[in-house]
Amino acid sequence: MKKNLYIFVILAAAIGSISCDSGGGGRSEEDRFVGTWAMHRGGTPAGEIAVYLHLKGDNTLLISNFPDGSRQRMTGTWSVQDGVLVAPFSNPPTGDGRIEAVLNADDVLEISFIEYWHTPNKVVPFAGTRVADALVPHLN
């Protein structure tokens, strides 16, 4: 009887610790991506800022010319699948495409902007760096 109780307690503790662990210190995988990102040309943070990528907590996105979200260029939705941000988009009249991005160990968003209107598809690399929340209060 004591042995069964001991096994039950160990199993309950193990199941409890697994179910409470979200894997990111209390943050979901998607929460790591939420925020405003300056998109630097050339796939390096040293590149010129081209546009701003705003990833909102409701899984919508917008790309704008300025960090405050003004001069919108494109809107869409996004999700995270196996650590990769995926965001299909339509950019009329130019065409469709998708954004794929991963966060590296330095908290830089490694972005591939994939344009379907080219044959073969054109992949434009960007590096995303976080913009201070104070600059974008209406998007938080």
C-alpha atoms as a PDB file:
ATOM      1  CA  MET A   1       0.000   0.000   0.000  1.00  0.00           C
ATOM      2  CA  LYS A   2       2.796   2.424   0.906  1.00  0.00           C
ATOM      3  CA  LYS A   3       4.559   1.554  -2.346  1.00  0.00           C
ATOM      4  CA  ASN A   4       1.417   2.376  -4.399  1.00  0.00           C
ATOM      5  CA  LEU A   5       0.953   5.662  -2.550  1.00  0.00           C
ATOM      6  CA  TYR A   6       4.621   6.536  -3.121  1.00  0.00           C
ATOM      7  CA  ILE A   7       4.314   5.810  -6.873  1.00  0.00           C
ATOM      8  CA  PHE A   8       1.088   7.836  -7.062  1.00  0.00           C
ATOM      9  CA  VAL A   9       2.719  10.855  -5.367  1.00  0.00           C
ATOM     10  CA  ILE A  10       5.734  10.720  -7.728  1.00  0.00           C
ATOM     11  CA  LEU A  11       3.506  10.439 -10.804  1.00  0.00           C
ATOM     12  CA  ALA A  12       1.258  13.303  -9.656  1.00  0.00           C
ATOM     13  CA  ALA A  13       4.289  15.527  -9.049  1.00  0.00           C
ATOM     14  CA  ALA A  14       5.765  14.661 -12.442  1.00  0.00           C
ATOM     15  CA  ILE A  15       2.494  15.312 -14.281  1.00  0.00           C
ATOM     16  CA  GLY A  16       1.991  18.577 -12.392  1.00  0.00           C
ATOM     17  CA  SER A  17       5.441  19.858 -13.263  1.00  0.00           C
ATOM     18  CA  ILE A  18       5.014  18.971 -16.943  1.00  0.00           C
ATOM     19  CA  SER A  19       1.600  20.612 -17.240  1.00  0.00           C
ATOM     20  CA  CYS A  20       2.748  23.812 -15.534  1.00  0.00           C
ATOM     21  CA  ASP A  21       5.869  24.248 -17.653  1.00  0.00           C
ATOM     22  CA  SER A  22       5.246  26.454 -20.672  1.00  0.00           C
ATOM     23  CA  GLY A  23       8.852  26.093 -21.790  1.00  0.00           C
ATOM     24  CA  GLY A  24       9.644  29.799 -21.852  1.00  0.00           C
ATOM     25  CA  GLY A  25       9.784  30.989 -18.290  1.00  0.00           C
ATOM     26  CA  GLY A  26       6.027  31.551 -18.206  1.00  0.00           C
ATOM     27  CA  ARG A  27       5.842  33.001 -21.726  1.00  0.00           C
ATOM     28  CA  SER A  28       4.293  31.198 -24.656  1.00  0.00           C
ATOM     29  CA  GLU A  29       6.309  30.622 -27.782  1.00  0.00           C
ATOM     30  CA  GLU A  30       4.305  33.324 -29.583  1.00  0.00           C
ATOM     31  CA  ASP A  31       4.834  35.888 -26.801  1.00  0.00           C
ATOM     32  CA  ARG A  32       8.544  35.926 -27.633  1.00  0.00           C
ATOM     33  CA  PHE A  33       7.720  37.429 -31.054  1.00  0.00           C
ATOM     34  CA  VAL A  34       5.180  40.071 -29.977  1.00  0.00           C
ATOM     35  CA  GLY A  35       6.402  43.638 -30.387  1.00  0.00           C
ATOM     36  CA  THR A  36       7.676  46.080 -32.961  1.00  0.00           C
ATOM     37  CA  TRP A  37      10.733  45.137 -34.977  1.00  0.00           C
ATOM     38  CA  ALA A  38      12.918  47.367 -37.141  1.00  0.00           C
ATOM     39  CA  MET A  39      13.573  45.388 -40.337  1.00  0.00           C
ATOM     40  CA  HIS A  40      17.188  45.923 -41.413  1.00  0.00           C
ATOM     41  CA  ARG A  41      18.186  45.261 -45.029  1.00  0.00           C
ATOM     42  CA  GLY A  42      20.696  42.553 -45.870  1.00  0.00           C
ATOM     43  CA  GLY A  43      19.838  40.227 -43.001  1.00  0.00           C
ATOM     44  CA  THR A  44      22.109  42.019 -40.539  1.00  0.00           C
ATOM     45  CA  PRO A  45      21.304  44.509 -37.752  1.00  0.00           C
ATOM     46  CA  ALA A  46      23.970  46.780 -39.256  1.00  0.00           C
ATOM     47  CA  GLY A  47      21.839  47.202 -42.391  1.00  0.00           C
ATOM     48  CA  GLU A  48      19.657  50.195 -43.151  1.00  0.00           C
ATOM     49  CA  ILE A  49      16.149  50.085 -41.665  1.00  0.00           C
ATOM     50  CA  ALA A  50      13.676  49.457 -44.474  1.00  0.00           C
ATOM     51  CA  VAL A  51      10.339  49.187 -42.626  1.00  0.00           C
ATOM     52  CA  TYR A  52       8.853  48.203 -39.269  1.00  0.00           C
ATOM     53  CA  LEU A  53       7.140  44.907 -38.519  1.00  0.00           C
ATOM     54  CA  HIS A  54       4.482  45.126 -35.798  1.00  0.00           C
ATOM     55  CA  LEU A  55       3.527  41.727 -34.356  1.00  0.00           C
ATOM     56  CA  LYS A  56       0.520  42.162 -32.094  1.00  0.00           C
ATOM     57  CA  GLY A  57      -0.587  39.845 -29.297  1.00  0.00           C
ATOM     58  CA  ASP A  58      -3.834  39.059 -31.147  1.00  0.00           C
ATOM     59  CA  ASN A  59      -1.746  37.470 -33.961  1.00  0.00           C
ATOM     60  CA  THR A  60      -2.286  40.311 -36.397  1.00  0.00           C
ATOM     61  CA  LEU A  61       0.592  42.139 -38.002  1.00  0.00           C
ATOM     62  CA  LEU A  62       1.237  45.298 -39.842  1.00  0.00           C
ATOM     63  CA  ILE A  63       4.208  46.560 -41.773  1.00  0.00           C
ATOM     64  CA  SER A  64       4.677  50.311 -41.728  1.00  0.00           C
ATOM     65  CA  ASN A  65       7.194  52.942 -42.708  1.00  0.00           C
ATOM     66  CA  PHE A  66       7.542  54.243 -39.146  1.00  0.00           C
ATOM     67  CA  PRO A  67       7.864  52.695 -35.667  1.00  0.00           C
ATOM     68  CA  ASP A  68       4.589  54.283 -34.509  1.00  0.00           C
ATOM     69  CA  GLY A  69       2.669  52.260 -37.125  1.00  0.00           C
ATOM     70  CA  SER A  70       1.967  55.180 -39.445  1.00  0.00           C
ATOM     71  CA  ARG A  71       2.114  54.841 -43.227  1.00  0.00           C
ATOM     72  CA  GLN A  72       0.915  51.245 -43.239  1.00  0.00           C
ATOM     73  CA  ARG A  73       2.143  49.147 -46.128  1.00  0.00           C
ATOM     74  CA  MET A  74       0.587  45.762 -45.386  1.00  0.00           C
ATOM     75  CA  THR A  75      -1.519  43.940 -42.807  1.00  0.00           C
ATOM     76  CA  GLY A  76      -2.014  40.264 -42.089  1.00  0.00           C
ATOM     77  CA  THR A  77      -1.946  37.525 -39.504  1.00  0.00           C
ATOM     78  CA  TRP A  78       0.833  35.400 -38.065  1.00  0.00           C
ATOM     79  CA  SER A  79       1.410  32.228 -36.090  1.00  0.00           C
ATOM     80  CA  VAL A  80       4.341  30.255 -34.724  1.00  0.00           C
ATOM     81  CA  GLN A  81       4.911  26.671 -35.805  1.00  0.00           C
ATOM     82  CA  ASP A  82       7.833  24.723 -34.285  1.00  0.00           C
ATOM     83  CA  GLY A  83       9.626  27.955 -33.341  1.00  0.00           C
ATOM     84  CA  VAL A  84       9.178  29.546 -36.780  1.00  0.00           C
ATOM     85  CA  LEU A  85       6.978  32.592 -37.265  1.00  0.00           C
ATOM     86  CA  VAL A  86       4.879  32.177 -40.413  1.00  0.00           C
ATOM     87  CA  ALA A  87       2.845  35.017 -41.909  1.00  0.00           C
ATOM     88  CA  PRO A  88       1.209  34.655 -45.329  1.00  0.00           C
ATOM     89  CA  PHE A  89       0.331  37.948 -46.976  1.00  0.00           C
ATOM     90  CA  SER A  90      -1.336  39.485 -49.983  1.00  0.00           C
ATOM     91  CA  ASN A  91       0.153  42.683 -51.338  1.00  0.00           C
ATOM     92  CA  PRO A  92      -2.170  43.904 -54.098  1.00  0.00           C
ATOM     93  CA  PRO A  93      -1.545  44.630 -56.861  1.00  0.00           C
ATOM     94  CA  THR A  94       1.971  43.166 -56.609  1.00  0.00           C
ATOM     95  CA  GLY A  95       1.148  39.642 -55.418  1.00  0.00           C
ATOM     96  CA  ASP A  96       1.206  37.145 -52.584  1.00  0.00           C
ATOM     97  CA  GLY A  97       3.973  35.864 -50.379  1.00  0.00           C
ATOM     98  CA  ARG A  98       4.901  34.963 -46.836  1.00  0.00           C
ATOM     99  CA  ILE A  99       7.203  35.974 -44.039  1.00  0.00           C
ATOM    100  CA  GLU A 100       9.167  33.341 -42.138  1.00  0.00           C
ATOM    101  CA  ALA A 101      11.274  34.279 -39.136  1.00  0.00           C
ATOM    102  CA  VAL A 102      13.123  32.779 -36.188  1.00  0.00           C
ATOM    103  CA  LEU A 103      14.511  34.424 -33.080  1.00  0.00           C
ATOM    104  CA  ASN A 104      18.212  33.788 -32.643  1.00  0.00           C
ATOM    105  CA  ALA A 105      20.125  33.621 -29.353  1.00  0.00           C
ATOM    106  CA  ASP A 106      20.855  37.381 -29.538  1.00  0.00           C
ATOM    107  CA  ASP A 107      17.107  38.224 -29.731  1.00  0.00           C
ATOM    108  CA  VAL A 108      17.469  39.196 -33.401  1.00  0.00           C
ATOM    109  CA  LEU A 109      14.599  38.204 -35.659  1.00  0.00           C
ATOM    110  CA  GLU A 110      16.053  36.457 -38.721  1.00  0.00           C
ATOM    111  CA  ILE A 111      13.456  37.256 -41.379  1.00  0.00           C
ATOM    112  CA  SER A 112      12.889  35.802 -44.844  1.00  0.00           C
ATOM    113  CA  PHE A 113      10.458  37.870 -46.894  1.00  0.00           C
ATOM    114  CA  ILE A 114       9.348  35.451 -49.621  1.00  0.00           C
ATOM    115  CA  GLU A 115       7.807  36.969 -52.749  1.00  0.00           C
ATOM    116  CA  TYR A 116       5.717  34.516 -54.801  1.00  0.00           C
ATOM    117  CA  TRP A 117       5.370  36.890 -57.750  1.00  0.00           C
ATOM    118  CA  HIS A 118       8.918  36.029 -58.889  1.00  0.00           C
ATOM    119  CA  THR A 119       9.871  32.775 -60.632  1.00  0.00           C
ATOM    120  CA  PRO A 120      11.560  31.232 -58.784  1.00  0.00           C
ATOM    121  CA  ASN A 121      10.264  32.799 -55.557  1.00  0.00           C
ATOM    122  CA  LYS A 122      12.479  35.650 -54.397  1.00  0.00           C
ATOM    123  CA  VAL A 123      13.702  35.546 -50.778  1.00  0.00           C
ATOM    124  CA  VAL A 124      14.691  38.904 -49.297  1.00  0.00           C
ATOM    125  CA  PRO A 125      16.607  38.646 -45.989  1.00  0.00           C
ATOM    126  CA  PHE A 126      16.069  41.090 -43.138  1.00  0.00           C
ATOM    127  CA  ALA A 127      17.261  41.243 -39.546  1.00  0.00           C
ATOM    128  CA  GLY A 128      14.716  42.443 -37.009  1.00  0.00           C
ATOM    129  CA  THR A 129      15.711  44.335 -33.884  1.00  0.00           C
ATOM    130  CA  ARG A 130      13.226  45.217 -31.156  1.00  0.00           C
ATOM    131  CA  VAL A 131      11.963  48.783 -30.958  1.00  0.00           C
ATOM    132  CA  ALA A 132      11.419  50.204 -27.465  1.00  0.00           C
ATOM    133  CA  ASP A 133       7.782  49.864 -26.359  1.00  0.00           C
ATOM    134  CA  ALA A 134       7.668  53.551 -25.481  1.00  0.00           C
ATOM    135  CA  LEU A 135       7.791  54.399 -29.192  1.00  0.00           C
ATOM    136  CA  VAL A 136       4.722  52.324 -30.028  1.00  0.00           C
ATOM    137  CA  PRO A 137       2.228  52.634 -27.158  1.00  0.00           C
ATOM    138  CA  HIS A 138      -0.899  52.324 -29.319  1.00  0.00           C
ATOM    139  CA  LEU A 139       0.237  48.970 -30.715  1.00  0.00           C
ATOM    140  CA  ASN A 140       0.888  47.223 -27.408  1.00  0.00           C
END
